Amino acid sequence: MGFGPSPKELSSDPSVAEALSVYYAERDARMEQENAMRAIMAGGIVEGGGELMRSLPGAAPWGFFDPLNLTPECQRDVLLWREAELAHGRVSMLAAVGFLVQESGFHPIMQEPNALAINQLGEIPIEYKVWLLAAVYGVEMSRANFGWVRPNYTNDGTTKATIRVLKEKYQPGSLGFDPLGLKPSDEKQLRKMQEKELNNGRLAMIGIAGFVGQELVTSKSLF
């Protein structure tokens, strides 16, 4: 009976390098899935939108008004709506003043402006239009970078968690722009100023819609 070497067979098991490669790939996939789930949870619905809306400035002087029940259930959506309302209200207040100033005969760009303010933008020279567009772009990008989460399109989870999302500590409308130092330090006085801004902004949105509609229908200036 001999004691010679036993026959050797090639093993089908992967090498150490191949096993580590598979492990790292599975680990990365698992971490990506976990991060996606965390992102979805972070961007999920936060109930209590109606209660939050009632606690925000803007209910005075007649109380909370929502006859069509349009207030979102999610608190994040409520803050988005308030951000949009403030932005459009501020633009409308500027636009209302702009209508009156432009139709009074003064225009900083055109020497002989059209009587109708709704037509004056089309009459601005092209070089001024470029500068105007650049200014608007700069202001909007600055506002977006200040208050909004930067979109992340890595996967579905990060996309849902970063699209149309305000930064956690950002308060709608609080852009840190107060060159004249008009923002009150007292909470009650600040609340009153916020109420006034919202109410005037809402009135301006209705007013500017009326200005535009009247000139489109009558083809006559406001005054």
Protein backbone atom coordinates (compact mmCIF):
# COMPACT_ATOMS: atom_id res chain seq x y z
CA MET A 1 0.00 0.00 0.00
CA GLY A 2 1.67 3.19 -1.09
CA PHE A 3 1.72 6.64 0.38
CA GLY A 4 2.06 8.68 -2.80
CA PRO A 5 0.58 12.14 -3.31
CA SER A 6 -3.16 12.22 -3.65
CA PRO A 7 -4.56 13.54 -6.88
CA LYS A 8 -5.27 17.31 -6.75
CA GLU A 9 -8.39 18.85 -8.14
CA LEU A 10 -8.80 22.52 -9.10
CA SER A 11 -11.10 24.36 -6.67
CA SER A 12 -14.07 26.31 -8.04
CA ASP A 13 -14.05 28.73 -5.09
CA PRO A 14 -13.29 32.37 -5.97
CA SER A 15 -9.98 33.86 -5.09
CA VAL A 16 -9.55 36.28 -2.19
CA ALA A 17 -9.44 39.25 -4.55
CA GLU A 18 -12.65 38.16 -6.29
CA ALA A 19 -14.42 37.57 -2.96
CA LEU A 20 -13.43 41.03 -1.72
CA SER A 21 -14.61 42.58 -4.96
CA VAL A 22 -18.03 40.95 -4.60
CA TYR A 23 -18.22 42.02 -0.96
CA TYR A 24 -17.42 45.66 -1.72
CA ALA A 25 -19.96 45.76 -4.56
CA GLU A 26 -22.70 44.33 -2.32
CA ARG A 27 -21.75 46.69 0.51
CA ASP A 28 -21.89 49.75 -1.75
CA ALA A 29 -25.26 48.67 -3.17
CA ARG A 30 -26.63 48.12 0.34
CA MET A 31 -25.37 51.51 1.55
CA GLU A 32 -26.84 53.22 -1.49
CA GLN A 33 -30.23 51.63 -0.82
CA GLU A 34 -30.08 52.62 2.86
CA ASN A 35 -29.16 56.20 1.96
CA ALA A 36 -32.02 56.31 -0.51
CA MET A 37 -34.46 55.14 2.15
CA ARG A 38 -33.16 57.74 4.59
CA ALA A 39 -33.58 60.40 1.92
CA ILE A 40 -37.15 59.31 1.24
CA MET A 41 -37.93 59.35 4.95
CA ALA A 42 -36.36 62.77 5.28
CA GLY A 43 -38.49 64.07 2.43
CA GLY A 44 -41.67 62.30 3.48
CA ILE A 45 -44.95 63.86 4.48
CA VAL A 46 -44.98 65.75 7.78
CA GLU A 47 -48.60 65.98 8.86
CA GLY A 48 -50.06 69.04 10.52
CA GLY A 49 -50.03 71.48 7.61
CA GLY A 50 -53.30 73.10 8.62
CA GLU A 51 -52.12 73.73 12.18
CA LEU A 52 -48.84 75.15 10.95
CA MET A 53 -50.58 77.49 8.50
CA ARG A 54 -52.83 78.83 11.26
CA SER A 55 -49.78 79.57 13.40
CA LEU A 56 -47.93 81.52 10.69
CA PRO A 57 -48.34 85.26 10.10
CA GLY A 58 -50.98 86.25 7.57
CA ALA A 59 -54.25 85.43 9.33
CA ALA A 60 -54.86 88.98 10.57
CA PRO A 61 -57.02 90.97 10.59
CA TRP A 62 -59.97 88.67 9.77
CA GLY A 63 -58.61 85.30 10.83
CA PHE A 64 -57.67 82.18 8.89
CA PHE A 65 -59.33 82.15 5.45
CA ASP A 66 -59.37 79.01 3.31
CA PRO A 67 -62.92 78.42 2.01
CA LEU A 68 -61.77 75.96 -0.67
CA ASN A 69 -59.63 73.95 1.76
CA LEU A 70 -56.47 74.34 -0.32
CA THR A 71 -54.03 74.20 2.60
CA PRO A 72 -51.69 71.20 2.16
CA GLU A 73 -51.55 68.49 4.80
CA CYS A 74 -47.75 68.40 4.69
CA GLN A 75 -45.91 71.07 6.66
CA ARG A 76 -43.14 71.18 4.06
CA ASP A 77 -45.67 72.08 1.36
CA VAL A 78 -47.11 74.79 3.60
CA LEU A 79 -43.70 76.41 3.89
CA LEU A 80 -43.22 76.16 0.12
CA TRP A 81 -46.56 77.90 -0.44
CA ARG A 82 -45.64 80.64 2.01
CA GLU A 83 -42.29 81.14 0.28
CA ALA A 84 -44.06 81.43 -3.08
CA GLU A 85 -46.68 83.80 -1.66
CA LEU A 86 -44.04 86.12 -0.21
CA ALA A 87 -41.95 86.11 -3.39
CA HIS A 88 -44.93 86.86 -5.66
CA GLY A 89 -46.31 89.45 -3.24
CA ARG A 90 -43.03 91.35 -3.19
CA VAL A 91 -42.73 91.27 -6.97
CA SER A 92 -46.33 92.43 -7.32
CA MET A 93 -45.78 95.38 -4.97
CA LEU A 94 -42.81 96.48 -7.07
CA ALA A 95 -44.79 95.93 -10.26
CA ALA A 96 -47.71 98.03 -9.03
CA VAL A 97 -45.40 100.94 -8.27
CA GLY A 98 -43.65 100.36 -11.61
CA PHE A 99 -46.94 100.65 -13.51
CA LEU A 100 -47.69 104.02 -11.96
CA VAL A 101 -44.17 105.39 -12.44
CA GLN A 102 -43.82 104.17 -16.03
CA GLU A 103 -47.19 105.51 -17.13
CA SER A 104 -46.47 108.87 -15.53
CA GLY A 105 -43.95 109.47 -18.34
CA PHE A 106 -40.75 108.50 -16.55
CA HIS A 107 -38.70 105.56 -17.79
CA PRO A 108 -34.99 105.08 -17.01
CA ILE A 109 -34.27 103.27 -20.30
CA MET A 110 -36.63 104.51 -23.03
CA GLN A 111 -36.75 108.15 -24.06
CA GLU A 112 -40.34 108.00 -25.32
CA PRO A 113 -42.09 105.14 -23.55
CA ASN A 114 -45.36 103.70 -24.79
CA ALA A 115 -48.36 104.85 -22.78
CA LEU A 116 -49.22 101.27 -21.88
CA ALA A 117 -46.92 99.72 -19.29
CA ILE A 118 -47.77 96.21 -20.50
CA ASN A 119 -46.05 96.98 -23.83
CA GLN A 120 -42.95 98.72 -22.55
CA LEU A 121 -40.88 95.60 -21.92
CA GLY A 122 -41.01 94.71 -25.60
CA GLU A 123 -39.75 98.17 -26.56
CA ILE A 124 -36.61 98.03 -24.41
CA PRO A 125 -33.41 97.89 -26.52
CA ILE A 126 -31.86 94.43 -26.75
CA GLU A 127 -28.70 95.39 -24.83
CA TYR A 128 -30.80 96.48 -21.86
CA LYS A 129 -32.87 93.32 -22.07
CA VAL A 130 -29.68 91.26 -21.68
CA TRP A 131 -28.66 93.21 -18.59
CA LEU A 132 -32.18 92.97 -17.17
CA LEU A 133 -32.25 89.20 -17.70
CA ALA A 134 -28.81 88.84 -16.11
CA ALA A 135 -29.93 90.84 -13.07
CA VAL A 136 -33.08 88.76 -12.61
CA TYR A 137 -31.07 85.55 -13.01
CA GLY A 138 -28.54 86.69 -10.41
CA VAL A 139 -31.21 87.61 -7.88
CA GLU A 140 -33.11 84.35 -8.33
CA MET A 141 -29.98 82.19 -8.12
CA SER A 142 -28.92 84.01 -4.96
CA ARG A 143 -32.36 83.44 -3.44
CA ALA A 144 -32.30 79.76 -4.41
CA ASN A 145 -28.84 79.16 -2.96
CA PHE A 146 -29.79 80.94 0.25
CA GLY A 147 -33.02 79.13 1.07
CA TRP A 148 -33.30 75.96 -1.02
CA VAL A 149 -31.64 72.56 -0.83
CA ARG A 150 -29.41 71.91 -3.83
CA PRO A 151 -31.00 69.17 -6.01
CA ASN A 152 -29.30 65.78 -5.97
CA TYR A 153 -30.19 63.50 -8.89
CA THR A 154 -28.02 60.54 -7.83
CA ASN A 155 -31.02 58.24 -7.46
CA ASP A 156 -34.78 58.34 -6.95
CA GLY A 157 -34.43 58.71 -3.19
CA THR A 158 -32.09 61.68 -3.26
CA THR A 159 -34.11 63.27 -6.05
CA LYS A 160 -37.35 63.12 -4.05
CA ALA A 161 -35.58 64.38 -0.94
CA THR A 162 -33.96 67.41 -2.58
CA ILE A 163 -36.41 68.66 -5.22
CA ARG A 164 -38.62 71.55 -4.02
CA VAL A 165 -37.19 71.39 -0.49
CA LEU A 166 -36.33 74.37 1.68
CA LYS A 167 -33.30 74.27 3.96
CA GLU A 168 -34.07 73.06 7.46
CA LYS A 169 -33.32 76.31 9.31
CA TYR A 170 -34.59 78.63 6.60
CA GLN A 171 -37.72 80.64 7.31
CA PRO A 172 -39.78 81.56 4.21
CA GLY A 173 -38.98 85.06 3.04
CA SER A 174 -36.07 85.57 5.45
CA LEU A 175 -33.32 86.26 2.93
CA GLY A 176 -31.12 88.28 5.27
CA PHE A 177 -31.56 91.40 3.10
CA ASP A 178 -32.19 94.44 5.30
CA PRO A 179 -29.82 97.24 4.24
CA LEU A 180 -31.83 99.91 6.10
CA GLY A 181 -32.14 97.89 9.32
CA LEU A 182 -35.95 97.96 9.30
CA LYS A 183 -36.46 94.47 10.74
CA PRO A 184 -37.72 94.80 14.34
CA SER A 185 -35.85 92.92 17.05
CA ASP A 186 -39.03 92.54 19.10
CA GLU A 187 -41.02 89.42 18.19
CA LYS A 188 -44.42 91.14 18.45
CA GLN A 189 -43.36 94.03 16.26
CA LEU A 190 -41.81 91.61 13.76
CA ARG A 191 -45.07 89.68 13.63
CA LYS A 192 -47.01 92.88 12.90
CA MET A 193 -44.61 93.79 10.10
CA GLN A 194 -44.92 90.31 8.59
CA GLU A 195 -48.71 90.60 8.69
CA LYS A 196 -48.57 93.95 6.92
CA GLU A 197 -46.19 92.64 4.25
CA LEU A 198 -48.40 89.65 3.50
CA ASN A 199 -51.62 91.65 3.35
CA ASN A 200 -50.08 94.32 1.12
CA GLY A 201 -48.51 91.65 -1.06
CA ARG A 202 -51.83 89.89 -1.50
CA LEU A 203 -53.54 93.16 -2.38
CA ALA A 204 -50.75 93.94 -4.84
CA MET A 205 -51.15 90.55 -6.56
CA ILE A 206 -54.86 91.22 -7.05
CA GLY A 207 -54.16 94.81 -8.08
CA ILE A 208 -51.48 94.03 -10.65
CA ALA A 209 -53.74 91.38 -12.19
CA GLY A 210 -56.40 94.08 -12.50
CA PHE A 211 -53.91 96.53 -14.02
CA VAL A 212 -52.83 94.07 -16.70
CA GLY A 213 -56.36 92.88 -17.41
CA GLN A 214 -57.71 96.41 -17.77
CA GLU A 215 -55.01 97.48 -20.23
CA LEU A 216 -55.37 94.29 -22.27
CA VAL A 217 -59.12 94.77 -22.60
CA THR A 218 -59.31 98.54 -23.05
CA SER A 219 -55.88 99.24 -24.69
CA LYS A 220 -55.80 102.41 -22.57
CA SER A 221 -53.46 103.46 -19.79
CA LEU A 222 -54.65 103.28 -16.20
CA PHE A 223 -54.81 107.03 -15.69
